[in-house]
Amino acid sequence: MNCRKIPASLLPTLVNLFSVSLEQLLGMEKMPAKRGPASALQRQIEQISRMPRNRQKMIAEVLEALIKQQSA
């Protein structure tokens, strides 16, 4: 691993440039714990995201109708 020394005064500039927190930039941020397997809904959403746009739109319209019906 390469280590470079940079002036601390550059850190705010780098944080803004890369749109990350200082902890992320310095590699100090804890990584989120590994999650369990994806839920059935998450797997379905991933499958839908690989479908053609017109199919995605049709599914989105059906979902919107069901959500509206449920909240009415």
N, C-alpha and C. Protein backbone atom coordinates (compact mmCIF):
# COMPACT_ATOMS: atom_id res chain seq x y z
N MET A 1 0.85 -1.18 0.00
CA MET A 1 0.00 0.00 0.00
C MET A 1 0.89 1.23 0.00
N ASN A 2 0.62 2.17 -0.89
CA ASN A 2 1.37 3.41 -0.97
C ASN A 2 0.86 4.39 0.06
N CYS A 3 1.76 5.02 0.75
CA CYS A 3 1.40 6.07 1.71
C CYS A 3 1.99 7.38 1.20
N ARG A 4 1.17 8.39 1.18
CA ARG A 4 1.61 9.71 0.75
C ARG A 4 1.39 10.68 1.89
N LYS A 5 2.30 11.60 2.04
CA LYS A 5 2.14 12.65 3.04
C LYS A 5 1.62 13.88 2.33
N ILE A 6 0.52 14.39 2.84
CA ILE A 6 -0.04 15.63 2.30
C ILE A 6 -0.28 16.57 3.46
N PRO A 7 -0.27 17.87 3.22
CA PRO A 7 -0.53 18.81 4.30
C PRO A 7 -1.96 18.66 4.81
N ALA A 8 -2.13 18.76 6.11
CA ALA A 8 -3.47 18.66 6.71
C ALA A 8 -4.39 19.74 6.18
N SER A 9 -3.83 20.86 5.76
CA SER A 9 -4.65 21.95 5.23
C SER A 9 -5.36 21.56 3.93
N LEU A 10 -4.88 20.51 3.27
CA LEU A 10 -5.51 20.05 2.02
C LEU A 10 -6.70 19.13 2.27
N LEU A 11 -6.84 18.61 3.48
CA LEU A 11 -7.90 17.65 3.75
C LEU A 11 -9.30 18.19 3.45
N PRO A 12 -9.65 19.41 3.90
CA PRO A 12 -11.00 19.91 3.57
C PRO A 12 -11.25 19.99 2.06
N THR A 13 -10.23 20.36 1.32
CA THR A 13 -10.36 20.44 -0.14
C THR A 13 -10.62 19.06 -0.73
N LEU A 14 -9.89 18.07 -0.26
CA LEU A 14 -10.07 16.71 -0.76
C LEU A 14 -11.43 16.14 -0.38
N VAL A 15 -11.87 16.44 0.85
CA VAL A 15 -13.19 15.99 1.29
C VAL A 15 -14.27 16.53 0.36
N ASN A 16 -14.17 17.83 0.03
CA ASN A 16 -15.15 18.43 -0.88
C ASN A 16 -15.01 17.90 -2.30
N LEU A 17 -13.79 17.74 -2.75
CA LEU A 17 -13.54 17.26 -4.11
C LEU A 17 -14.14 15.88 -4.34
N PHE A 18 -13.95 14.99 -3.37
CA PHE A 18 -14.43 13.61 -3.52
C PHE A 18 -15.80 13.37 -2.92
N SER A 19 -16.39 14.41 -2.31
CA SER A 19 -17.72 14.30 -1.68
C SER A 19 -17.79 13.13 -0.70
N VAL A 20 -16.81 13.08 0.18
CA VAL A 20 -16.76 12.04 1.21
C VAL A 20 -16.51 12.71 2.56
N SER A 21 -16.73 11.96 3.63
CA SER A 21 -16.41 12.49 4.95
C SER A 21 -14.91 12.37 5.19
N LEU A 22 -14.43 13.10 6.17
CA LEU A 22 -13.02 13.02 6.52
C LEU A 22 -12.66 11.59 6.95
N GLU A 23 -13.58 10.96 7.69
CA GLU A 23 -13.34 9.59 8.13
C GLU A 23 -13.20 8.64 6.94
N GLN A 24 -14.05 8.84 5.93
CA GLN A 24 -13.96 8.00 4.74
C GLN A 24 -12.64 8.24 4.01
N LEU A 25 -12.27 9.50 3.90
CA LEU A 25 -11.04 9.85 3.20
C LEU A 25 -9.82 9.23 3.88
N LEU A 26 -9.82 9.20 5.20
CA LEU A 26 -8.69 8.67 5.94
C LEU A 26 -8.78 7.17 6.17
N GLY A 27 -9.89 6.57 5.72
CA GLY A 27 -10.07 5.13 5.89
C GLY A 27 -10.38 4.73 7.31
N MET A 28 -10.98 5.64 8.07
CA MET A 28 -11.26 5.37 9.48
C MET A 28 -12.72 5.01 9.73
N GLU A 29 -13.56 5.19 8.71
CA GLU A 29 -14.98 4.91 8.90
C GLU A 29 -15.19 3.42 8.94
N LYS A 30 -15.96 2.98 9.92
CA LYS A 30 -16.25 1.56 10.04
C LYS A 30 -17.14 1.12 8.89
N MET A 31 -16.85 -0.02 8.37
CA MET A 31 -17.67 -0.57 7.30
C MET A 31 -18.94 -1.13 7.92
N PRO A 32 -20.07 -0.96 7.24
CA PRO A 32 -21.31 -1.52 7.78
C PRO A 32 -21.21 -3.04 7.89
N ALA A 33 -21.88 -3.56 8.89
CA ALA A 33 -21.88 -5.02 9.08
C ALA A 33 -22.51 -5.70 7.87
N LYS A 34 -22.02 -6.86 7.56
CA LYS A 34 -22.55 -7.61 6.43
C LYS A 34 -24.00 -7.99 6.71
N ARG A 35 -24.83 -7.71 5.76
CA ARG A 35 -26.24 -8.03 5.90
C ARG A 35 -26.50 -9.46 5.47
N GLY A 36 -27.63 -9.95 5.89
CA GLY A 36 -28.04 -11.30 5.51
C GLY A 36 -28.42 -11.34 4.04
N PRO A 37 -28.99 -12.44 3.61
CA PRO A 37 -29.39 -12.56 2.21
C PRO A 37 -30.48 -11.54 1.87
N ALA A 38 -30.52 -11.18 0.61
CA ALA A 38 -31.51 -10.21 0.14
C ALA A 38 -32.91 -10.78 0.33
N SER A 39 -33.84 -9.88 0.64
CA SER A 39 -35.23 -10.31 0.79
C SER A 39 -35.80 -10.66 -0.58
N ALA A 40 -36.91 -11.34 -0.57
CA ALA A 40 -37.56 -11.70 -1.84
C ALA A 40 -37.91 -10.44 -2.61
N LEU A 41 -38.37 -9.40 -1.91
CA LEU A 41 -38.72 -8.15 -2.58
C LEU A 41 -37.49 -7.52 -3.22
N GLN A 42 -36.37 -7.51 -2.51
CA GLN A 42 -35.15 -6.94 -3.06
C GLN A 42 -34.70 -7.71 -4.30
N ARG A 43 -34.80 -9.02 -4.27
CA ARG A 43 -34.43 -9.82 -5.45
C ARG A 43 -35.34 -9.50 -6.63
N GLN A 44 -36.64 -9.32 -6.35
CA GLN A 44 -37.58 -8.98 -7.42
C GLN A 44 -37.25 -7.61 -8.01
N ILE A 45 -36.91 -6.65 -7.15
CA ILE A 45 -36.56 -5.32 -7.63
C ILE A 45 -35.33 -5.39 -8.52
N GLU A 46 -34.35 -6.19 -8.14
CA GLU A 46 -33.15 -6.35 -8.96
C GLU A 46 -33.49 -6.98 -10.31
N GLN A 47 -34.39 -7.96 -10.32
CA GLN A 47 -34.81 -8.58 -11.58
C GLN A 47 -35.53 -7.56 -12.45
N ILE A 48 -36.39 -6.76 -11.84
CA ILE A 48 -37.13 -5.74 -12.59
C ILE A 48 -36.17 -4.73 -13.19
N SER A 49 -35.12 -4.36 -12.46
CA SER A 49 -34.17 -3.37 -12.96
C SER A 49 -33.44 -3.84 -14.21
N ARG A 50 -33.42 -5.14 -14.46
CA ARG A 50 -32.77 -5.68 -15.66
C ARG A 50 -33.73 -5.82 -16.84
N MET A 51 -35.00 -5.52 -16.61
CA MET A 51 -36.00 -5.62 -17.68
C MET A 51 -35.96 -4.37 -18.56
N PRO A 52 -36.54 -4.47 -19.77
CA PRO A 52 -36.64 -3.30 -20.63
C PRO A 52 -37.46 -2.19 -19.94
N ARG A 53 -37.18 -0.96 -20.30
CA ARG A 53 -37.83 0.21 -19.67
C ARG A 53 -39.35 0.15 -19.75
N ASN A 54 -39.89 -0.30 -20.88
CA ASN A 54 -41.35 -0.32 -21.01
C ASN A 54 -41.97 -1.29 -20.01
N ARG A 55 -41.30 -2.41 -19.75
CA ARG A 55 -41.79 -3.38 -18.75
C ARG A 55 -41.68 -2.78 -17.34
N GLN A 56 -40.57 -2.08 -17.09
CA GLN A 56 -40.38 -1.44 -15.79
C GLN A 56 -41.49 -0.42 -15.54
N LYS A 57 -41.81 0.35 -16.58
CA LYS A 57 -42.86 1.36 -16.44
C LYS A 57 -44.20 0.70 -16.14
N MET A 58 -44.51 -0.38 -16.82
CA MET A 58 -45.77 -1.08 -16.60
C MET A 58 -45.85 -1.58 -15.15
N ILE A 59 -44.77 -2.17 -14.66
CA ILE A 59 -44.75 -2.67 -13.28
C ILE A 59 -44.89 -1.52 -12.29
N ALA A 60 -44.22 -0.40 -12.56
CA ALA A 60 -44.32 0.77 -11.69
C ALA A 60 -45.75 1.28 -11.62
N GLU A 61 -46.44 1.29 -12.75
CA GLU A 61 -47.83 1.75 -12.78
C GLU A 61 -48.73 0.83 -11.95
N VAL A 62 -48.52 -0.47 -12.06
CA VAL A 62 -49.30 -1.43 -11.26
C VAL A 62 -49.03 -1.21 -9.78
N LEU A 63 -47.77 -1.04 -9.42
CA LEU A 63 -47.42 -0.81 -8.01
C LEU A 63 -48.05 0.48 -7.49
N GLU A 64 -47.98 1.55 -8.28
CA GLU A 64 -48.59 2.82 -7.88
C GLU A 64 -50.08 2.66 -7.62
N ALA A 65 -50.76 1.94 -8.50
CA ALA A 65 -52.20 1.72 -8.33
C ALA A 65 -52.48 0.94 -7.04
N LEU A 66 -51.70 -0.08 -6.77
CA LEU A 66 -51.88 -0.87 -5.55
C LEU A 66 -51.60 -0.04 -4.30
N ILE A 67 -50.57 0.78 -4.35
CA ILE A 67 -50.23 1.63 -3.20
C ILE A 67 -51.33 2.66 -2.96
N LYS A 68 -51.84 3.27 -4.03
CA LYS A 68 -52.94 4.23 -3.88
C LYS A 68 -54.16 3.55 -3.29
N GLN A 69 -54.47 2.36 -3.78
CA GLN A 69 -55.63 1.61 -3.30
C GLN A 69 -55.46 1.29 -1.81
N GLN A 70 -54.27 0.92 -1.40
CA GLN A 70 -54.01 0.57 0.00
C GLN A 70 -54.13 1.77 0.92
N SER A 71 -53.70 2.94 0.45
CA SER A 71 -53.73 4.12 1.31
C SER A 71 -55.08 4.82 1.30
N ALA A 72 -55.99 4.39 0.44
CA ALA A 72 -57.32 5.02 0.37
C ALA A 72 -58.25 4.48 1.44
